[in-house]
Amino acid sequence: MTLLIGVAVVSGCSVIPKGPRGAPSSEEGPNDGLPPDKARHRVALLVPLTGPGGELGQSIANATTMAILDTNAQTVRITTYDTSGGAGDAARRALQEGNRLILGPMLTEDISSVAGVARSARVPLITFSSDPRAAARDVFIMGTTQESSILRVVQFARSKGVSRFALLAPKGEFGSRATSAYNNAVRIAGGTVVASDSYDRGNNSILSAASRLKAKGGFQAVLIADTPKAAAQAASRLRGTKGLRILGTDLWSGDPIVSNSTALRGAWFAALPDTRYRQFAASYQTRFGSAPYRQATMGYDAVLLTVRIAREWRGGTPFPAARLADSGGFLGLDGPFRFGLDGTVERALEVRETRAGGVTIVSPAPEKFVD
């Protein structure tokens, strides 16, 4: 059974002020509209507020503010720590100030330093990374992984009669992960990868790779594991193959090239559902005067999850991390999600098809987990 953690979105509340570099942004303040800090669980938000990634980090921080206000949470206190001066240092300060749960960090490369500090204090992390390799029993990954988006679109293609698959992937770590994920997804779905090719990023070698793949033939669908811009280039060379279906990843979500490219017309890709996001984005725009980053919903949902579990979290005790592995999962702005015992996340994704002037949902995201 999926646990509803709350998706109310309202407007008209003030914003938590941003602190100076390296210092926490406190919820305390005479005009911040938040309840006084009494008998609340202390939770740290670790994101960059300045420098590279600062705008995204601030968007996530704003979203956590919205979640606290929208739920009128009385038992949770969120303090933001700027990681731009060093994620490990930010984590140490968070622990010194009594925080028993860390939301973040945002960057995968910061997870090891933060976890190294937090683990000895038995403080778990709910991170905004999408790299499942960083997951652990005390490090939970919120971001949508390419493994899950690839599996979803492959299973959908298989349900539509596709059994022979091909792959175009860039050389390097990203391409290697995509290749492994694709081979695994096709195997699970009961299909066969009959052809593949790779290319160097940063030049036109993707065109040559697409031509080589087309010459091999024998496949019904091909995953182009790259951005929509690169995929459109490759697809232009692959077109002409009768009945060929182009597949993409969640990297395509929200990119206008997907809708504007004739070469990608009819392609399938998996993504988070946007139904609740649109309402969230409108409220965010009203409050902060700008559009949120799409990833900001992770901050909102992380707080909703924390508030939900805080109902059963006794004061002065460690955060009950075992509750995160509830098999029924949780429902947030991005739909149902649940964590495994190893810290990886499973999300309910929808499949979209690109059409002239936009995309349409051809397979809605499940509303709950049934196993």
Protein backbone atom coordinates (compact mmCIF):
# COMPACT_ATOMS: atom_id res chain seq x y z
CA MET A 1 0.00 0.00 0.00
CA THR A 2 1.40 3.37 -1.03
CA LEU A 3 1.66 5.87 1.79
CA LEU A 4 0.37 9.30 0.83
CA ILE A 5 2.83 11.83 2.18
CA GLY A 6 0.97 14.90 1.05
CA VAL A 7 0.91 16.91 -2.15
CA ALA A 8 -0.91 20.09 -1.14
CA VAL A 9 0.45 23.20 -2.87
CA VAL A 10 -0.63 26.62 -1.67
CA SER A 11 0.72 30.13 -2.15
CA GLY A 12 1.17 33.32 -0.19
CA CYS A 13 3.82 32.31 2.36
CA SER A 14 7.20 33.91 2.91
CA VAL A 15 10.61 32.43 2.19
CA ILE A 16 13.35 31.11 4.43
CA PRO A 17 16.20 33.62 4.13
CA LYS A 18 19.44 32.38 2.62
CA GLY A 19 22.46 32.52 4.92
CA PRO A 20 25.98 33.57 3.99
CA ARG A 21 28.38 31.13 2.40
CA GLY A 22 29.12 28.20 4.69
CA ALA A 23 26.47 29.23 7.21
CA PRO A 24 23.04 27.72 7.74
CA SER A 25 19.86 29.43 6.64
CA SER A 26 17.74 29.38 9.77
CA GLU A 27 13.99 29.12 9.83
CA GLU A 28 14.08 31.49 12.77
CA GLY A 29 13.02 35.05 12.11
CA PRO A 30 10.31 37.51 13.03
CA ASN A 31 8.71 37.60 9.59
CA ASP A 32 9.33 34.16 8.17
CA GLY A 33 5.84 32.85 8.82
CA LEU A 34 7.11 29.58 10.32
CA PRO A 35 6.33 28.13 13.74
CA PRO A 36 8.79 28.70 16.57
CA ASP A 37 11.55 26.14 17.02
CA LYS A 38 10.08 24.04 19.82
CA ALA A 39 10.14 20.25 20.10
CA ARG A 40 11.04 19.80 16.43
CA HIS A 41 13.32 17.23 14.83
CA ARG A 42 16.41 18.87 13.36
CA VAL A 43 17.01 18.03 9.71
CA ALA A 44 19.86 19.41 7.58
CA LEU A 45 19.57 20.33 3.90
CA LEU A 46 22.95 20.22 2.15
CA VAL A 47 23.01 21.95 -1.24
CA PRO A 48 25.24 24.51 -2.97
CA LEU A 49 23.80 28.02 -2.73
CA THR A 50 26.63 29.79 -4.56
CA GLY A 51 29.04 28.89 -7.34
CA PRO A 52 28.48 25.96 -9.73
CA GLY A 53 25.10 24.41 -9.12
CA GLY A 54 24.06 27.27 -6.86
CA GLU A 55 20.89 28.11 -8.77
CA LEU A 56 19.71 24.51 -8.72
CA GLY A 57 20.63 24.22 -5.06
CA GLN A 58 18.65 27.35 -4.22
CA SER A 59 15.68 25.99 -6.18
CA ILE A 60 15.78 22.79 -4.11
CA ALA A 61 16.07 24.84 -0.91
CA ASN A 62 13.06 26.93 -1.92
CA ALA A 63 11.11 23.75 -2.59
CA THR A 64 11.87 22.44 0.91
CA THR A 65 10.54 25.71 2.31
CA MET A 66 7.33 25.22 0.35
CA ALA A 67 6.93 21.69 1.69
CA ILE A 68 7.30 22.81 5.31
CA LEU A 69 4.78 25.61 4.84
CA ASP A 70 2.32 23.63 2.74
CA THR A 71 2.13 20.83 5.31
CA ASN A 72 2.21 23.21 8.29
CA ALA A 73 4.79 20.86 9.77
CA GLN A 74 5.14 21.36 13.52
CA THR A 75 7.65 18.61 14.26
CA VAL A 76 10.43 19.16 11.71
CA ARG A 77 12.99 21.97 11.52
CA ILE A 78 14.96 22.27 8.26
CA THR A 79 18.28 24.14 8.29
CA THR A 80 20.12 24.72 5.01
CA TYR A 81 23.90 24.41 4.81
CA ASP A 82 25.80 25.70 1.78
CA THR A 83 28.08 22.97 0.39
CA SER A 84 29.93 25.25 -2.04
CA GLY A 85 32.68 25.68 0.54
CA GLY A 86 33.01 21.93 1.04
CA ALA A 87 30.30 19.32 1.51
CA GLY A 88 32.20 17.50 4.26
CA ASP A 89 32.62 20.69 6.28
CA ALA A 90 28.92 21.48 5.84
CA ALA A 91 28.04 18.00 7.08
CA ARG A 92 30.27 18.35 10.14
CA ARG A 93 28.61 21.60 11.08
CA ALA A 94 25.18 20.07 10.58
CA LEU A 95 26.04 17.24 12.95
CA GLN A 96 27.56 19.59 15.52
CA GLU A 97 24.29 21.51 15.55
CA GLY A 98 22.27 18.40 16.34
CA ASN A 99 20.77 17.39 12.99
CA ARG A 100 19.78 13.71 12.86
CA LEU A 101 18.91 13.45 9.16
CA ILE A 102 20.62 14.93 6.09
CA LEU A 103 18.73 15.78 2.91
CA GLY A 104 21.44 15.92 0.28
CA PRO A 105 24.04 16.41 -0.90
CA MET A 106 23.02 17.36 -4.41
CA LEU A 107 26.17 16.25 -6.22
CA THR A 108 27.13 12.60 -6.46
CA GLU A 109 30.80 13.42 -5.95
CA ASP A 110 29.98 14.92 -2.54
CA ILE A 111 28.21 11.84 -1.19
CA SER A 112 31.28 9.96 0.01
CA SER A 113 32.61 12.89 2.05
CA VAL A 114 29.21 13.59 3.62
CA ALA A 115 28.47 9.93 4.31
CA GLY A 116 31.90 9.50 5.85
CA VAL A 117 31.09 12.22 8.36
CA ALA A 118 27.47 11.20 8.97
CA ARG A 119 27.90 7.45 9.24
CA SER A 120 29.77 7.50 12.54
CA ALA A 121 26.94 9.57 14.03
CA ARG A 122 24.28 7.16 12.66
CA VAL A 123 22.78 9.95 10.57
CA PRO A 124 21.36 8.72 7.22
CA LEU A 125 21.32 10.63 3.95
CA ILE A 126 18.44 11.13 1.51
CA THR A 127 20.41 12.45 -1.45
CA PHE A 128 19.40 14.17 -4.68
CA SER A 129 21.77 12.07 -6.78
CA SER A 130 20.58 9.84 -9.61
CA ASP A 131 23.58 7.50 -9.48
CA PRO A 132 22.61 4.15 -7.93
CA ARG A 133 26.28 3.30 -7.39
CA ALA A 134 26.33 5.83 -4.54
CA ALA A 135 23.48 4.10 -2.70
CA ALA A 136 24.01 2.26 0.58
CA ARG A 137 21.94 1.08 3.54
CA ASP A 138 22.24 4.59 5.00
CA VAL A 139 22.45 6.55 1.73
CA PHE A 140 19.15 6.79 -0.14
CA ILE A 141 19.04 8.02 -3.75
CA MET A 142 16.10 10.26 -4.74
CA GLY A 143 16.96 11.00 -8.37
CA THR A 144 15.53 9.13 -11.35
CA THR A 145 18.18 6.73 -12.60
CA GLN A 146 18.89 6.06 -16.24
CA GLU A 147 18.62 2.37 -15.38
CA SER A 148 14.96 2.79 -14.40
CA SER A 149 14.04 4.96 -17.39
CA ILE A 150 15.70 2.55 -19.80
CA LEU A 151 13.98 -0.46 -18.24
CA ARG A 152 10.59 1.24 -18.42
CA VAL A 153 10.81 2.16 -22.11
CA VAL A 154 12.23 -1.23 -23.07
CA GLN A 155 9.44 -3.07 -21.28
CA PHE A 156 6.88 -0.87 -23.02
CA ALA A 157 8.47 -1.51 -26.42
CA ARG A 158 8.47 -5.23 -25.72
CA SER A 159 4.76 -5.07 -24.86
CA LYS A 160 4.19 -3.58 -28.31
CA GLY A 161 5.87 -6.49 -30.07
CA VAL A 162 9.47 -5.29 -30.27
CA SER A 163 11.87 -8.18 -29.68
CA ARG A 164 15.04 -7.20 -31.56
CA PHE A 165 16.82 -4.19 -30.07
CA ALA A 166 19.87 -2.10 -31.02
CA LEU A 167 21.90 0.51 -29.16
CA LEU A 168 23.84 3.69 -29.89
CA ALA A 169 25.81 4.91 -26.87
CA PRO A 170 28.69 7.35 -26.35
CA LYS A 171 32.08 6.11 -25.25
CA GLY A 172 33.03 6.73 -21.64
CA GLU A 173 31.47 6.11 -18.24
CA PHE A 174 27.98 7.36 -19.09
CA GLY A 175 27.81 5.22 -22.20
CA SER A 176 29.12 2.17 -20.35
CA ARG A 177 26.42 2.51 -17.72
CA ALA A 178 23.75 2.97 -20.38
CA THR A 179 24.99 -0.09 -22.26
CA SER A 180 24.91 -2.23 -19.13
CA ALA A 181 21.45 -0.95 -18.19
CA TYR A 182 20.11 -1.55 -21.69
CA ASN A 183 21.47 -5.08 -21.99
CA ASN A 184 19.98 -5.90 -18.60
CA ALA A 185 16.61 -4.31 -19.46
CA VAL A 186 16.31 -6.16 -22.76
CA ARG A 187 17.17 -9.44 -21.04
CA ILE A 188 14.52 -8.84 -18.35
CA ALA A 189 11.94 -7.94 -20.99
CA GLY A 190 12.64 -11.10 -22.95
CA GLY A 191 14.18 -9.45 -26.01
CA THR A 192 17.58 -9.60 -27.73
CA VAL A 193 20.17 -6.93 -28.43
CA VAL A 194 21.18 -7.74 -32.00
CA ALA A 195 23.40 -4.74 -32.81
CA SER A 196 25.22 -1.86 -31.15
CA ASP A 197 27.75 0.86 -31.86
CA SER A 198 29.54 3.61 -29.96
CA TYR A 199 31.00 7.00 -30.72
CA ASP A 200 33.10 9.81 -29.32
CA ARG A 201 31.18 12.76 -27.95
CA GLY A 202 32.02 16.27 -29.08
CA ASN A 203 32.27 15.63 -32.82
CA ASN A 204 30.19 14.16 -35.62
CA SER A 205 31.21 10.56 -34.99
CA ILE A 206 27.66 9.81 -33.88
CA LEU A 207 26.61 10.17 -37.53
CA SER A 208 29.15 7.58 -38.64
CA ALA A 209 28.09 5.26 -35.82
CA ALA A 210 24.45 5.60 -36.84
CA SER A 211 25.33 4.77 -40.44
CA ARG A 212 27.28 1.69 -39.35
CA LEU A 213 24.39 0.56 -37.16
CA LYS A 214 21.89 1.04 -39.94
CA ALA A 215 24.03 -1.09 -42.25
CA LYS A 216 23.98 -3.95 -39.74
CA GLY A 217 20.17 -3.99 -39.73
CA GLY A 218 17.94 -6.66 -38.23
CA PHE A 219 16.53 -4.58 -35.37
CA GLN A 220 13.09 -3.10 -34.68
CA ALA A 221 14.05 -0.45 -32.13
CA VAL A 222 17.21 1.42 -31.21
CA LEU A 223 17.99 3.24 -27.98
CA ILE A 224 20.04 6.40 -28.50
CA ALA A 225 21.53 6.95 -25.06
CA ASP A 226 22.30 10.64 -25.32
CA THR A 227 20.78 14.11 -25.28
CA PRO A 228 17.92 14.97 -27.65
CA LYS A 229 20.28 17.05 -29.80
CA ALA A 230 22.64 14.12 -30.32
CA ALA A 231 19.74 11.70 -30.72
CA ALA A 232 18.19 13.87 -33.43
CA GLN A 233 21.45 13.79 -35.37
CA ALA A 234 21.68 10.02 -35.18
CA ALA A 235 17.99 9.50 -35.92
CA SER A 236 18.32 11.48 -39.15
CA ARG A 237 20.74 8.79 -40.39
CA LEU A 238 18.64 5.89 -39.13
CA ARG A 239 15.41 7.04 -40.74
CA GLY A 240 14.33 5.03 -43.73
CA THR A 241 14.52 1.74 -41.87
CA LYS A 242 10.99 0.39 -42.18
CA GLY A 243 9.10 0.22 -38.88
CA LEU A 244 12.07 1.40 -36.81
CA ARG A 245 11.22 2.84 -33.41
CA ILE A 246 13.64 5.27 -31.75
CA LEU A 247 13.94 4.97 -27.96
CA GLY A 248 15.27 7.62 -25.57
CA THR A 249 16.01 8.14 -21.88
CA ASP A 250 14.77 10.54 -19.22
CA LEU A 251 17.41 13.02 -20.50
CA TRP A 252 14.79 13.91 -23.11
CA SER A 253 12.22 15.12 -20.59
CA GLY A 254 11.39 18.81 -21.00
CA ASP A 255 13.77 19.44 -23.91
CA PRO A 256 12.02 21.31 -26.78
CA ILE A 257 14.21 19.55 -29.35
CA VAL A 258 12.23 16.38 -28.68
CA SER A 259 9.06 17.98 -30.01
CA ASN A 260 10.66 20.08 -32.72
CA SER A 261 12.81 17.42 -34.38
CA THR A 262 11.20 15.63 -37.30
CA ALA A 263 13.82 12.89 -37.01
CA LEU A 264 12.59 12.01 -33.50
CA ARG A 265 8.93 11.90 -34.47
CA GLY A 266 7.30 8.80 -33.02
CA ALA A 267 10.11 8.07 -30.55
CA TRP A 268 9.36 6.65 -27.10
CA PHE A 269 11.00 7.62 -23.82
CA ALA A 270 10.21 7.26 -20.12
CA ALA A 271 9.96 10.19 -17.71
CA LEU A 272 8.49 11.32 -14.43
CA PRO A 273 4.82 12.30 -14.66
CA ASP A 274 4.23 16.07 -14.73
CA THR A 275 0.64 16.23 -13.44
CA ARG A 276 1.48 17.44 -9.92
CA TYR A 277 4.63 19.20 -11.05
CA ARG A 278 2.67 21.76 -13.06
CA GLN A 279 0.70 22.81 -9.98
CA PHE A 280 3.91 22.95 -7.95
CA ALA A 281 5.64 25.06 -10.61
CA ALA A 282 2.80 27.58 -10.69
CA SER A 283 2.90 27.98 -6.91
CA TYR A 284 6.70 28.25 -6.95
CA GLN A 285 6.52 30.97 -9.60
CA THR A 286 4.08 32.94 -7.46
CA ARG A 287 6.25 32.70 -4.37
CA PHE A 288 9.72 33.18 -5.79
CA GLY A 289 9.15 35.07 -9.05
CA SER A 290 10.87 32.50 -11.25
CA ALA A 291 10.34 29.00 -12.55
CA PRO A 292 11.74 26.10 -10.49
CA TYR A 293 14.29 23.63 -11.77
CA ARG A 294 12.56 20.36 -12.60
CA GLN A 295 14.73 18.59 -10.01
CA ALA A 296 13.42 20.87 -7.23
CA THR A 297 10.56 18.45 -6.63
CA MET A 298 13.06 16.09 -5.02
CA GLY A 299 13.57 18.63 -2.25
CA TYR A 300 9.83 19.00 -1.77
CA ASP A 301 9.23 15.26 -1.70
CA ALA A 302 12.17 14.63 0.63
CA VAL A 303 10.59 16.96 3.17
CA LEU A 304 7.15 15.41 2.75
CA LEU A 305 8.70 12.02 3.35
CA THR A 306 10.49 13.28 6.45
CA VAL A 307 7.32 14.85 7.84
CA ARG A 308 5.44 11.61 7.25
CA ILE A 309 8.00 9.50 9.09
CA ALA A 310 8.37 12.12 11.84
CA ARG A 311 4.94 11.07 13.09
CA GLU A 312 6.60 7.91 14.37
CA TRP A 313 10.00 9.41 15.19
CA ARG A 314 10.53 9.81 18.92
CA GLY A 315 12.33 12.95 19.99
CA GLY A 316 15.98 12.55 20.89
CA THR A 317 16.38 9.29 18.98
CA PRO A 318 18.09 8.53 15.65
CA PHE A 319 16.02 8.92 12.49
CA PRO A 320 14.18 5.60 11.86
CA ALA A 321 15.83 4.90 8.51
CA ALA A 322 14.24 1.43 8.31
CA ARG A 323 10.91 3.17 7.64
CA LEU A 324 12.29 4.38 4.30
CA ALA A 325 12.26 0.83 2.98
CA ASP A 326 8.47 0.46 3.28
CA SER A 327 7.51 -1.81 0.37
CA GLY A 328 4.33 0.16 -0.27
CA GLY A 329 6.36 3.25 -1.02
CA PHE A 330 5.37 6.89 -0.79
CA LEU A 331 3.48 9.34 -3.00
CA GLY A 332 4.94 12.75 -3.78
CA LEU A 333 4.88 15.39 -6.49
CA ASP A 334 6.71 13.04 -8.85
CA GLY A 335 4.34 10.15 -8.21
CA PRO A 336 4.94 6.92 -6.29
CA PHE A 337 8.48 6.02 -5.22
CA ARG A 338 10.07 3.59 -2.82
CA PHE A 339 13.54 2.72 -1.59
CA GLY A 340 15.19 -0.67 -1.49
CA LEU A 341 17.15 -1.90 1.50
CA ASP A 342 20.29 -1.00 -0.46
CA GLY A 343 19.26 2.67 -0.75
CA THR A 344 18.30 2.62 -4.43
CA VAL A 345 15.02 4.19 -5.53
CA GLU A 346 12.23 2.77 -7.64
CA ARG A 347 9.95 5.28 -9.34
CA ALA A 348 6.75 4.96 -11.32
CA LEU A 349 7.49 6.42 -14.76
CA GLU A 350 5.27 7.15 -17.72
CA VAL A 351 6.14 6.52 -21.37
CA ARG A 352 5.78 9.38 -23.82
CA GLU A 353 5.70 9.46 -27.60
CA THR A 354 6.99 12.43 -29.59
CA ARG A 355 4.55 13.88 -32.06
CA ALA A 356 4.30 17.00 -34.17
CA GLY A 357 4.18 19.97 -31.80
CA GLY A 358 4.58 18.05 -28.57
CA VAL A 359 4.57 14.74 -26.76
CA THR A 360 1.73 12.52 -25.64
CA ILE A 361 1.53 9.92 -22.88
CA VAL A 362 1.17 6.44 -24.35
CA SER A 363 1.59 4.54 -21.08
CA PRO A 364 0.67 6.37 -17.85
CA ALA A 365 2.76 5.93 -14.73
CA PRO A 366 1.29 3.40 -12.29
CA GLU A 367 -0.51 5.05 -9.38
CA LYS A 368 0.90 2.65 -6.83
CA PHE A 369 3.18 -0.33 -6.40
CA VAL A 370 1.31 -3.61 -6.54
CA ASP A 371 3.95 -6.20 -5.56
